[in-house]
Amino acid sequence: MKRKKISDILILGIGNVLMGDEGIGAFIAQFLEKQKLPPGVTVLDGGTGGFHLLETFQNADCVILIDATINGQPPASWERLQPRYSSDYPPTLTAHDIGLKDMLDAAQLLGKMPKVVLYAISIDSINSVKFGLSPELEAIIPVIGGEVLNEVHDLLGAPV
């Protein structure tokens, strides 16, 4: 069976920009929106995630998620993961955690799960009300942004 090529990529930055470092995914999405992107690539600031994103999520061949995690690692450290189920998602205490995990499970159950790549960025804590990022996280926006752009270029010819 011939595998479908990836032609529709959704870059989904998750996070609340009013909660300090927890908003890193949204800030990286805003950075990427200003870049020259290949055709078929959409960047979306997904806010705090949830089921309202399910249809958009399912319609992509590949979704690149960018999100914060509280995992005990130093702030601004990050890892690239390929979660298939909510249990593959790293630990987090963010307000959108349940909605995003439920969305991954719903897409899987509906049989419309795109390829998912997750950039999980470690944060120290969540601020109740603070606009903007710590200097450590501000500094990695172009680094993660560049990694995501490289990922996009690598994926465009890859089979799903």
N, C-alpha and C. Protein backbone atom coordinates (compact mmCIF):
# COMPACT_ATOMS: atom_id res chain seq x y z
N MET A 1 0.84 -1.17 0.00
CA MET A 1 0.00 0.00 0.00
C MET A 1 0.89 1.24 0.00
N LYS A 2 0.60 2.15 -0.91
CA LYS A 2 1.38 3.38 -1.00
C LYS A 2 0.97 4.32 0.12
N ARG A 3 1.97 4.90 0.78
CA ARG A 3 1.70 5.80 1.89
C ARG A 3 1.54 7.23 1.38
N LYS A 4 0.64 7.95 2.00
CA LYS A 4 0.36 9.33 1.64
C LYS A 4 1.53 10.23 2.05
N LYS A 5 1.89 11.14 1.17
CA LYS A 5 2.93 12.11 1.50
C LYS A 5 2.35 13.22 2.37
N ILE A 6 3.18 13.78 3.21
CA ILE A 6 2.75 14.90 4.05
C ILE A 6 2.74 16.16 3.20
N SER A 7 1.59 16.82 3.15
CA SER A 7 1.49 18.08 2.41
C SER A 7 0.82 19.17 3.23
N ASP A 8 0.17 18.80 4.33
CA ASP A 8 -0.55 19.76 5.16
C ASP A 8 -0.03 19.65 6.59
N ILE A 9 0.72 20.66 7.02
CA ILE A 9 1.32 20.65 8.35
C ILE A 9 0.71 21.77 9.18
N LEU A 10 0.27 21.42 10.38
CA LEU A 10 -0.23 22.40 11.33
C LEU A 10 0.79 22.54 12.45
N ILE A 11 1.26 23.75 12.67
CA ILE A 11 2.12 24.05 13.82
C ILE A 11 1.22 24.69 14.86
N LEU A 12 1.08 24.02 15.99
CA LEU A 12 0.12 24.43 17.01
C LEU A 12 0.87 24.79 18.29
N GLY A 13 0.95 26.08 18.58
CA GLY A 13 1.57 26.54 19.81
C GLY A 13 0.52 26.61 20.91
N ILE A 14 0.76 25.93 22.01
CA ILE A 14 -0.20 25.85 23.11
C ILE A 14 0.35 26.62 24.30
N GLY A 15 -0.52 27.37 24.97
CA GLY A 15 -0.12 28.06 26.19
C GLY A 15 -0.88 29.35 26.41
N ASN A 16 -0.90 29.78 27.63
CA ASN A 16 -1.59 30.99 28.03
C ASN A 16 -0.55 32.10 28.23
N VAL A 17 -0.57 33.09 27.34
CA VAL A 17 0.44 34.16 27.38
C VAL A 17 0.28 35.05 28.62
N LEU A 18 -0.80 34.91 29.33
CA LEU A 18 -1.01 35.70 30.55
C LEU A 18 -0.49 34.99 31.79
N MET A 19 0.14 33.82 31.61
CA MET A 19 0.65 33.05 32.75
C MET A 19 2.16 32.84 32.66
N GLY A 20 2.87 33.84 32.18
CA GLY A 20 4.33 33.78 32.14
C GLY A 20 4.85 32.68 31.23
N ASP A 21 5.81 31.91 31.73
CA ASP A 21 6.48 30.89 30.92
C ASP A 21 5.53 29.82 30.39
N GLU A 22 4.39 29.64 31.02
CA GLU A 22 3.40 28.66 30.55
C GLU A 22 2.96 28.98 29.12
N GLY A 23 3.12 30.22 28.70
CA GLY A 23 2.71 30.63 27.36
C GLY A 23 3.75 30.44 26.28
N ILE A 24 4.84 29.73 26.56
CA ILE A 24 5.94 29.59 25.60
C ILE A 24 5.49 29.07 24.24
N GLY A 25 4.59 28.11 24.21
CA GLY A 25 4.12 27.58 22.92
C GLY A 25 3.45 28.64 22.07
N ALA A 26 2.63 29.47 22.70
CA ALA A 26 1.95 30.55 21.98
C ALA A 26 2.96 31.59 21.48
N PHE A 27 3.95 31.91 22.31
CA PHE A 27 4.96 32.88 21.89
C PHE A 27 5.80 32.35 20.72
N ILE A 28 6.11 31.06 20.71
CA ILE A 28 6.85 30.49 19.58
C ILE A 28 5.98 30.48 18.33
N ALA A 29 4.68 30.21 18.48
CA ALA A 29 3.77 30.27 17.34
C ALA A 29 3.77 31.68 16.75
N GLN A 30 3.73 32.69 17.59
CA GLN A 30 3.75 34.07 17.12
C GLN A 30 5.05 34.37 16.37
N PHE A 31 6.17 33.84 16.86
CA PHE A 31 7.46 33.99 16.17
C PHE A 31 7.39 33.33 14.79
N LEU A 32 6.85 32.11 14.73
CA LEU A 32 6.81 31.36 13.47
C LEU A 32 5.86 31.99 12.46
N GLU A 33 4.80 32.65 12.93
CA GLU A 33 3.87 33.32 12.02
C GLU A 33 4.58 34.41 11.20
N LYS A 34 5.67 34.93 11.69
CA LYS A 34 6.41 36.00 11.02
C LYS A 34 7.46 35.46 10.04
N GLN A 35 7.63 34.15 9.99
CA GLN A 35 8.64 33.53 9.13
C GLN A 35 8.03 33.18 7.77
N LYS A 36 8.90 33.04 6.78
CA LYS A 36 8.46 32.59 5.46
C LYS A 36 8.28 31.08 5.54
N LEU A 37 7.05 30.63 5.34
CA LEU A 37 6.74 29.21 5.46
C LEU A 37 6.37 28.62 4.11
N PRO A 38 6.68 27.36 3.89
CA PRO A 38 6.30 26.71 2.63
C PRO A 38 4.78 26.60 2.51
N PRO A 39 4.28 26.45 1.28
CA PRO A 39 2.84 26.22 1.10
C PRO A 39 2.40 24.96 1.86
N GLY A 40 1.19 25.00 2.39
CA GLY A 40 0.65 23.86 3.12
C GLY A 40 0.97 23.86 4.59
N VAL A 41 1.68 24.89 5.07
CA VAL A 41 2.04 24.98 6.48
C VAL A 41 1.22 26.09 7.12
N THR A 42 0.50 25.74 8.18
CA THR A 42 -0.32 26.69 8.92
C THR A 42 0.20 26.78 10.34
N VAL A 43 0.31 27.99 10.86
CA VAL A 43 0.69 28.20 12.25
C VAL A 43 -0.53 28.72 12.99
N LEU A 44 -0.80 28.13 14.14
CA LEU A 44 -1.96 28.52 14.93
C LEU A 44 -1.56 28.67 16.39
N ASP A 45 -1.91 29.81 16.96
CA ASP A 45 -1.77 30.00 18.41
C ASP A 45 -3.00 29.32 19.00
N GLY A 46 -2.80 28.14 19.56
CA GLY A 46 -3.91 27.33 20.06
C GLY A 46 -4.37 27.70 21.46
N GLY A 47 -3.81 28.76 22.03
CA GLY A 47 -4.22 29.17 23.37
C GLY A 47 -4.03 28.03 24.35
N THR A 48 -5.09 27.71 25.07
CA THR A 48 -5.01 26.64 26.07
C THR A 48 -5.50 25.31 25.54
N GLY A 49 -5.62 25.18 24.21
CA GLY A 49 -5.96 23.89 23.61
C GLY A 49 -7.39 23.47 23.85
N GLY A 50 -7.65 22.19 23.70
CA GLY A 50 -8.97 21.65 23.97
C GLY A 50 -9.69 21.16 22.73
N PHE A 51 -10.92 20.72 22.95
CA PHE A 51 -11.69 20.08 21.90
C PHE A 51 -12.05 20.99 20.74
N HIS A 52 -12.08 22.31 20.95
CA HIS A 52 -12.40 23.20 19.84
C HIS A 52 -11.35 23.14 18.73
N LEU A 53 -10.20 22.57 19.01
CA LEU A 53 -9.14 22.42 18.02
C LEU A 53 -9.16 21.07 17.32
N LEU A 54 -10.06 20.18 17.73
CA LEU A 54 -10.04 18.79 17.24
C LEU A 54 -10.16 18.70 15.73
N GLU A 55 -11.10 19.40 15.12
CA GLU A 55 -11.28 19.29 13.67
C GLU A 55 -10.05 19.80 12.92
N THR A 56 -9.52 20.93 13.34
CA THR A 56 -8.31 21.47 12.72
C THR A 56 -7.16 20.49 12.87
N PHE A 57 -7.03 19.91 14.04
CA PHE A 57 -6.00 18.93 14.36
C PHE A 57 -6.12 17.72 13.43
N GLN A 58 -7.33 17.19 13.28
CA GLN A 58 -7.54 15.98 12.49
C GLN A 58 -7.36 16.20 10.99
N ASN A 59 -7.56 17.41 10.52
CA ASN A 59 -7.49 17.68 9.08
C ASN A 59 -6.06 17.82 8.57
N ALA A 60 -5.09 17.89 9.46
CA ALA A 60 -3.69 18.00 9.04
C ALA A 60 -3.09 16.62 8.85
N ASP A 61 -2.10 16.54 7.97
CA ASP A 61 -1.34 15.29 7.82
C ASP A 61 -0.37 15.13 8.99
N CYS A 62 0.15 16.27 9.46
CA CYS A 62 1.09 16.27 10.57
C CYS A 62 0.83 17.50 11.44
N VAL A 63 0.87 17.31 12.74
CA VAL A 63 0.72 18.41 13.68
C VAL A 63 2.00 18.50 14.51
N ILE A 64 2.58 19.68 14.53
CA ILE A 64 3.73 19.95 15.39
C ILE A 64 3.21 20.76 16.57
N LEU A 65 3.19 20.14 17.73
CA LEU A 65 2.74 20.81 18.95
C LEU A 65 3.94 21.42 19.67
N ILE A 66 3.74 22.61 20.21
CA ILE A 66 4.78 23.26 21.01
C ILE A 66 4.11 23.63 22.32
N ASP A 67 4.63 23.09 23.43
CA ASP A 67 3.95 23.27 24.71
C ASP A 67 4.95 23.28 25.86
N ALA A 68 4.52 23.85 26.97
CA ALA A 68 5.32 23.87 28.20
C ALA A 68 5.06 22.62 29.02
N THR A 69 6.06 22.22 29.77
CA THR A 69 5.90 21.11 30.69
C THR A 69 6.64 21.42 32.00
N ILE A 70 6.08 20.96 33.09
CA ILE A 70 6.76 21.05 34.38
C ILE A 70 7.20 19.63 34.71
N ASN A 71 8.47 19.35 34.42
CA ASN A 71 8.95 17.97 34.52
C ASN A 71 10.22 17.83 35.37
N GLY A 72 10.56 18.88 36.10
CA GLY A 72 11.74 18.80 36.96
C GLY A 72 13.05 19.09 36.25
N GLN A 73 13.01 19.32 34.95
CA GLN A 73 14.23 19.65 34.20
C GLN A 73 14.49 21.15 34.31
N PRO A 74 15.70 21.60 34.03
CA PRO A 74 15.98 23.03 34.10
C PRO A 74 15.10 23.82 33.12
N PRO A 75 14.65 25.00 33.53
CA PRO A 75 13.85 25.83 32.62
C PRO A 75 14.59 26.08 31.31
N ALA A 76 13.85 26.04 30.23
CA ALA A 76 14.33 26.26 28.86
C ALA A 76 14.97 25.01 28.25
N SER A 77 15.07 23.91 29.00
CA SER A 77 15.49 22.67 28.35
C SER A 77 14.27 22.14 27.60
N TRP A 78 14.51 21.35 26.58
CA TRP A 78 13.38 20.88 25.78
C TRP A 78 13.70 19.52 25.18
N GLU A 79 12.63 18.88 24.74
CA GLU A 79 12.79 17.60 24.05
C GLU A 79 11.76 17.47 22.95
N ARG A 80 12.12 16.70 21.94
CA ARG A 80 11.23 16.41 20.82
C ARG A 80 10.67 15.01 21.03
N LEU A 81 9.35 14.90 21.03
CA LEU A 81 8.68 13.62 21.25
C LEU A 81 7.70 13.35 20.12
N GLN A 82 7.28 12.09 20.01
CA GLN A 82 6.23 11.73 19.07
C GLN A 82 5.13 10.97 19.82
N PRO A 83 4.28 11.69 20.56
CA PRO A 83 3.23 11.02 21.34
C PRO A 83 2.12 10.50 20.44
N ARG A 84 1.63 9.31 20.76
CA ARG A 84 0.48 8.76 20.04
C ARG A 84 -0.76 8.77 20.94
N TYR A 85 -0.55 8.65 22.21
CA TYR A 85 -1.66 8.60 23.17
C TYR A 85 -1.40 9.63 24.26
N SER A 86 -2.42 9.96 25.00
CA SER A 86 -2.26 10.94 26.07
C SER A 86 -1.22 10.49 27.10
N SER A 87 -1.08 9.20 27.29
CA SER A 87 -0.11 8.70 28.27
C SER A 87 1.34 8.96 27.81
N ASP A 88 1.53 9.23 26.52
CA ASP A 88 2.86 9.55 26.00
C ASP A 88 3.23 11.02 26.22
N TYR A 89 2.26 11.82 26.60
CA TYR A 89 2.46 13.25 26.79
C TYR A 89 3.23 13.46 28.10
N PRO A 90 4.21 14.37 28.13
CA PRO A 90 5.00 14.54 29.36
C PRO A 90 4.17 15.12 30.50
N PRO A 91 4.66 14.96 31.73
CA PRO A 91 3.92 15.48 32.88
C PRO A 91 3.84 17.00 32.82
N THR A 92 2.73 17.51 33.27
CA THR A 92 2.54 18.95 33.27
C THR A 92 1.47 19.32 34.28
N LEU A 93 1.51 20.53 34.72
CA LEU A 93 0.49 21.01 35.65
C LEU A 93 -0.25 22.19 35.05
N THR A 94 -0.16 22.36 33.76
CA THR A 94 -0.76 23.53 33.15
C THR A 94 -2.27 23.40 33.06
N ALA A 95 -2.91 24.54 32.92
CA ALA A 95 -4.38 24.59 32.91
C ALA A 95 -4.98 23.87 31.71
N HIS A 96 -4.23 23.70 30.63
CA HIS A 96 -4.78 23.08 29.43
C HIS A 96 -4.45 21.60 29.31
N ASP A 97 -3.78 21.04 30.28
CA ASP A 97 -3.30 19.66 30.22
C ASP A 97 -4.39 18.67 29.87
N ILE A 98 -5.49 18.68 30.58
CA ILE A 98 -6.54 17.69 30.36
C ILE A 98 -7.16 17.84 28.98
N GLY A 99 -7.44 19.07 28.55
CA GLY A 99 -8.07 19.28 27.25
C GLY A 99 -7.21 18.77 26.10
N LEU A 100 -5.92 19.01 26.15
CA LEU A 100 -5.03 18.58 25.08
C LEU A 100 -4.88 17.06 25.07
N LYS A 101 -4.73 16.47 26.23
CA LYS A 101 -4.64 15.01 26.30
C LYS A 101 -5.93 14.36 25.81
N ASP A 102 -7.06 14.91 26.19
CA ASP A 102 -8.35 14.38 25.73
C ASP A 102 -8.48 14.51 24.22
N MET A 103 -7.99 15.62 23.65
CA MET A 103 -8.05 15.81 22.21
C MET A 103 -7.22 14.75 21.49
N LEU A 104 -6.03 14.44 22.01
CA LEU A 104 -5.20 13.39 21.40
C LEU A 104 -5.92 12.04 21.43
N ASP A 105 -6.53 11.72 22.57
CA ASP A 105 -7.26 10.46 22.68
C ASP A 105 -8.48 10.42 21.77
N ALA A 106 -9.20 11.54 21.66
CA ALA A 106 -10.38 11.58 20.80
C ALA A 106 -9.99 11.38 19.34
N ALA A 107 -8.94 12.03 18.89
CA ALA A 107 -8.48 11.85 17.51
C ALA A 107 -8.10 10.40 17.25
N GLN A 108 -7.43 9.78 18.21
CA GLN A 108 -7.04 8.37 18.08
C GLN A 108 -8.28 7.48 17.99
N LEU A 109 -9.24 7.72 18.87
CA LEU A 109 -10.47 6.90 18.88
C LEU A 109 -11.28 7.07 17.61
N LEU A 110 -11.27 8.27 17.04
CA LEU A 110 -12.02 8.54 15.82
C LEU A 110 -11.30 8.04 14.57
N GLY A 111 -10.08 7.55 14.75
CA GLY A 111 -9.32 7.02 13.62
C GLY A 111 -8.79 8.10 12.69
N LYS A 112 -8.70 9.32 13.17
CA LYS A 112 -8.21 10.43 12.35
C LYS A 112 -7.04 11.11 13.03
N MET A 113 -6.07 10.31 13.39
CA MET A 113 -4.91 10.82 14.11
C MET A 113 -3.81 11.18 13.13
N PRO A 114 -3.44 12.45 13.04
CA PRO A 114 -2.31 12.81 12.19
C PRO A 114 -1.01 12.38 12.85
N LYS A 115 0.06 12.46 12.10
CA LYS A 115 1.39 12.29 12.70
C LYS A 115 1.56 13.46 13.67
N VAL A 116 2.04 13.19 14.87
CA VAL A 116 2.20 14.25 15.88
C VAL A 116 3.66 14.30 16.33
N VAL A 117 4.20 15.50 16.32
CA VAL A 117 5.52 15.77 16.86
C VAL A 117 5.33 16.83 17.94
N LEU A 118 5.89 16.60 19.10
CA LEU A 118 5.73 17.51 20.23
C LEU A 118 7.08 18.07 20.66
N TYR A 119 7.16 19.38 20.72
CA TYR A 119 8.30 20.05 21.32
C TYR A 119 7.86 20.46 22.71
N ALA A 120 8.36 19.77 23.73
CA ALA A 120 8.00 20.01 25.13
C ALA A 120 9.12 20.83 25.77
N ILE A 121 8.76 22.00 26.26
CA ILE A 121 9.74 22.93 26.81
C ILE A 121 9.55 23.03 28.32
N SER A 122 10.61 22.76 29.05
CA SER A 122 10.53 22.75 30.51
C SER A 122 10.41 24.16 31.07
N ILE A 123 9.49 24.30 32.03
CA ILE A 123 9.36 25.55 32.77
C ILE A 123 9.44 25.22 34.25
N ASP A 124 9.74 26.23 35.03
CA ASP A 124 9.91 26.04 36.47
C ASP A 124 8.58 26.05 37.20
N SER A 125 7.72 27.00 36.85
CA SER A 125 6.44 27.13 37.53
C SER A 125 5.50 27.96 36.67
N ILE A 126 4.26 28.03 37.11
CA ILE A 126 3.25 28.82 36.41
C ILE A 126 2.97 30.07 37.24
N ASN A 127 3.03 31.20 36.57
CA ASN A 127 2.67 32.46 37.23
C ASN A 127 1.18 32.69 37.06
N SER A 128 0.51 33.12 38.11
CA SER A 128 -0.94 33.32 38.01
C SER A 128 -1.28 34.43 37.03
N VAL A 129 -0.58 35.54 37.06
CA VAL A 129 -0.81 36.60 36.08
C VAL A 129 0.52 37.28 35.80
N LYS A 130 1.04 37.02 34.61
CA LYS A 130 2.28 37.68 34.19
C LYS A 130 2.37 37.57 32.68
N PHE A 131 2.42 38.70 32.01
CA PHE A 131 2.59 38.68 30.56
C PHE A 131 4.07 38.70 30.25
N GLY A 132 4.50 37.81 29.39
CA GLY A 132 5.89 37.75 28.99
C GLY A 132 6.60 36.55 29.59
N LEU A 133 7.79 36.33 29.09
CA LEU A 133 8.57 35.15 29.45
C LEU A 133 9.78 35.53 30.29
N SER A 134 10.30 34.55 31.01
CA SER A 134 11.57 34.72 31.70
C SER A 134 12.66 34.88 30.64
N PRO A 135 13.80 35.49 31.00
CA PRO A 135 14.88 35.65 30.02
C PRO A 135 15.34 34.32 29.41
N GLU A 136 15.36 33.24 30.21
CA GLU A 136 15.80 31.93 29.68
C GLU A 136 14.88 31.45 28.56
N LEU A 137 13.58 31.58 28.76
CA LEU A 137 12.65 31.12 27.74
C LEU A 137 12.57 32.07 26.56
N GLU A 138 12.67 33.34 26.81
CA GLU A 138 12.71 34.33 25.72
C GLU A 138 13.86 34.00 24.77
N ALA A 139 15.00 33.61 25.33
CA ALA A 139 16.20 33.33 24.53
C ALA A 139 16.06 32.10 23.64
N ILE A 140 15.22 31.14 24.01
CA ILE A 140 15.13 29.93 23.19
C ILE A 140 14.05 30.00 22.11
N ILE A 141 13.29 31.09 22.05
CA ILE A 141 12.26 31.20 21.00
C ILE A 141 12.86 30.99 19.61
N PRO A 142 13.93 31.71 19.22
CA PRO A 142 14.48 31.46 17.88
C PRO A 142 15.12 30.08 17.73
N VAL A 143 15.61 29.52 18.81
CA VAL A 143 16.21 28.17 18.76
C VAL A 143 15.13 27.14 18.44
N ILE A 144 14.06 27.13 19.23
CA ILE A 144 12.97 26.18 18.99
C ILE A 144 12.30 26.49 17.66
N GLY A 145 12.12 27.78 17.37
CA GLY A 145 11.54 28.16 16.08
C GLY A 145 12.34 27.59 14.92
N GLY A 146 13.67 27.68 15.00
CA GLY A 146 14.53 27.11 13.96
C GLY A 146 14.42 25.60 13.86
N GLU A 147 14.34 24.93 15.01
CA GLU A 147 14.16 23.47 15.01
C GLU A 147 12.84 23.09 14.35
N VAL A 148 11.78 23.83 14.65
CA VAL A 148 10.47 23.54 14.06
C VAL A 148 10.51 23.77 12.55
N LEU A 149 11.15 24.84 12.11
CA LEU A 149 11.26 25.09 10.67
C LEU A 149 12.05 23.98 9.97
N ASN A 150 13.12 23.50 10.59
CA ASN A 150 13.87 22.37 10.03
C ASN A 150 12.98 21.13 9.96
N GLU A 151 12.19 20.91 11.00
CA GLU A 151 11.26 19.77 11.04
C GLU A 151 10.28 19.86 9.87
N VAL A 152 9.74 21.05 9.64
CA VAL A 152 8.78 21.26 8.55
C VAL A 152 9.41 20.88 7.22
N HIS A 153 10.60 21.38 6.97
CA HIS A 153 11.27 21.08 5.69
C HIS A 153 11.58 19.59 5.56
N ASP A 154 11.94 18.94 6.65
CA ASP A 154 12.19 17.50 6.61
C ASP A 154 10.92 16.70 6.35
N LEU A 155 9.80 17.18 6.89
CA LEU A 155 8.54 16.45 6.78
C LEU A 155 7.86 16.56 5.42
N LEU A 156 8.06 17.64 4.73
CA LEU A 156 7.27 17.89 3.53
C LEU A 156 7.34 16.79 2.48
N GLY A 157 8.43 16.07 2.40
CA GLY A 157 8.51 14.98 1.45
C GLY A 157 8.39 13.61 2.09
N ALA A 158 8.21 13.59 3.41
CA ALA A 158 8.20 12.31 4.14
C ALA A 158 6.83 11.65 4.09
N PRO A 159 6.78 10.31 4.06
CA PRO A 159 5.49 9.63 4.14
C PRO A 159 4.89 9.74 5.53
N VAL A 160 3.58 9.74 5.57
CA VAL A 160 2.86 9.80 6.85
C VAL A 160 3.05 8.51 7.59
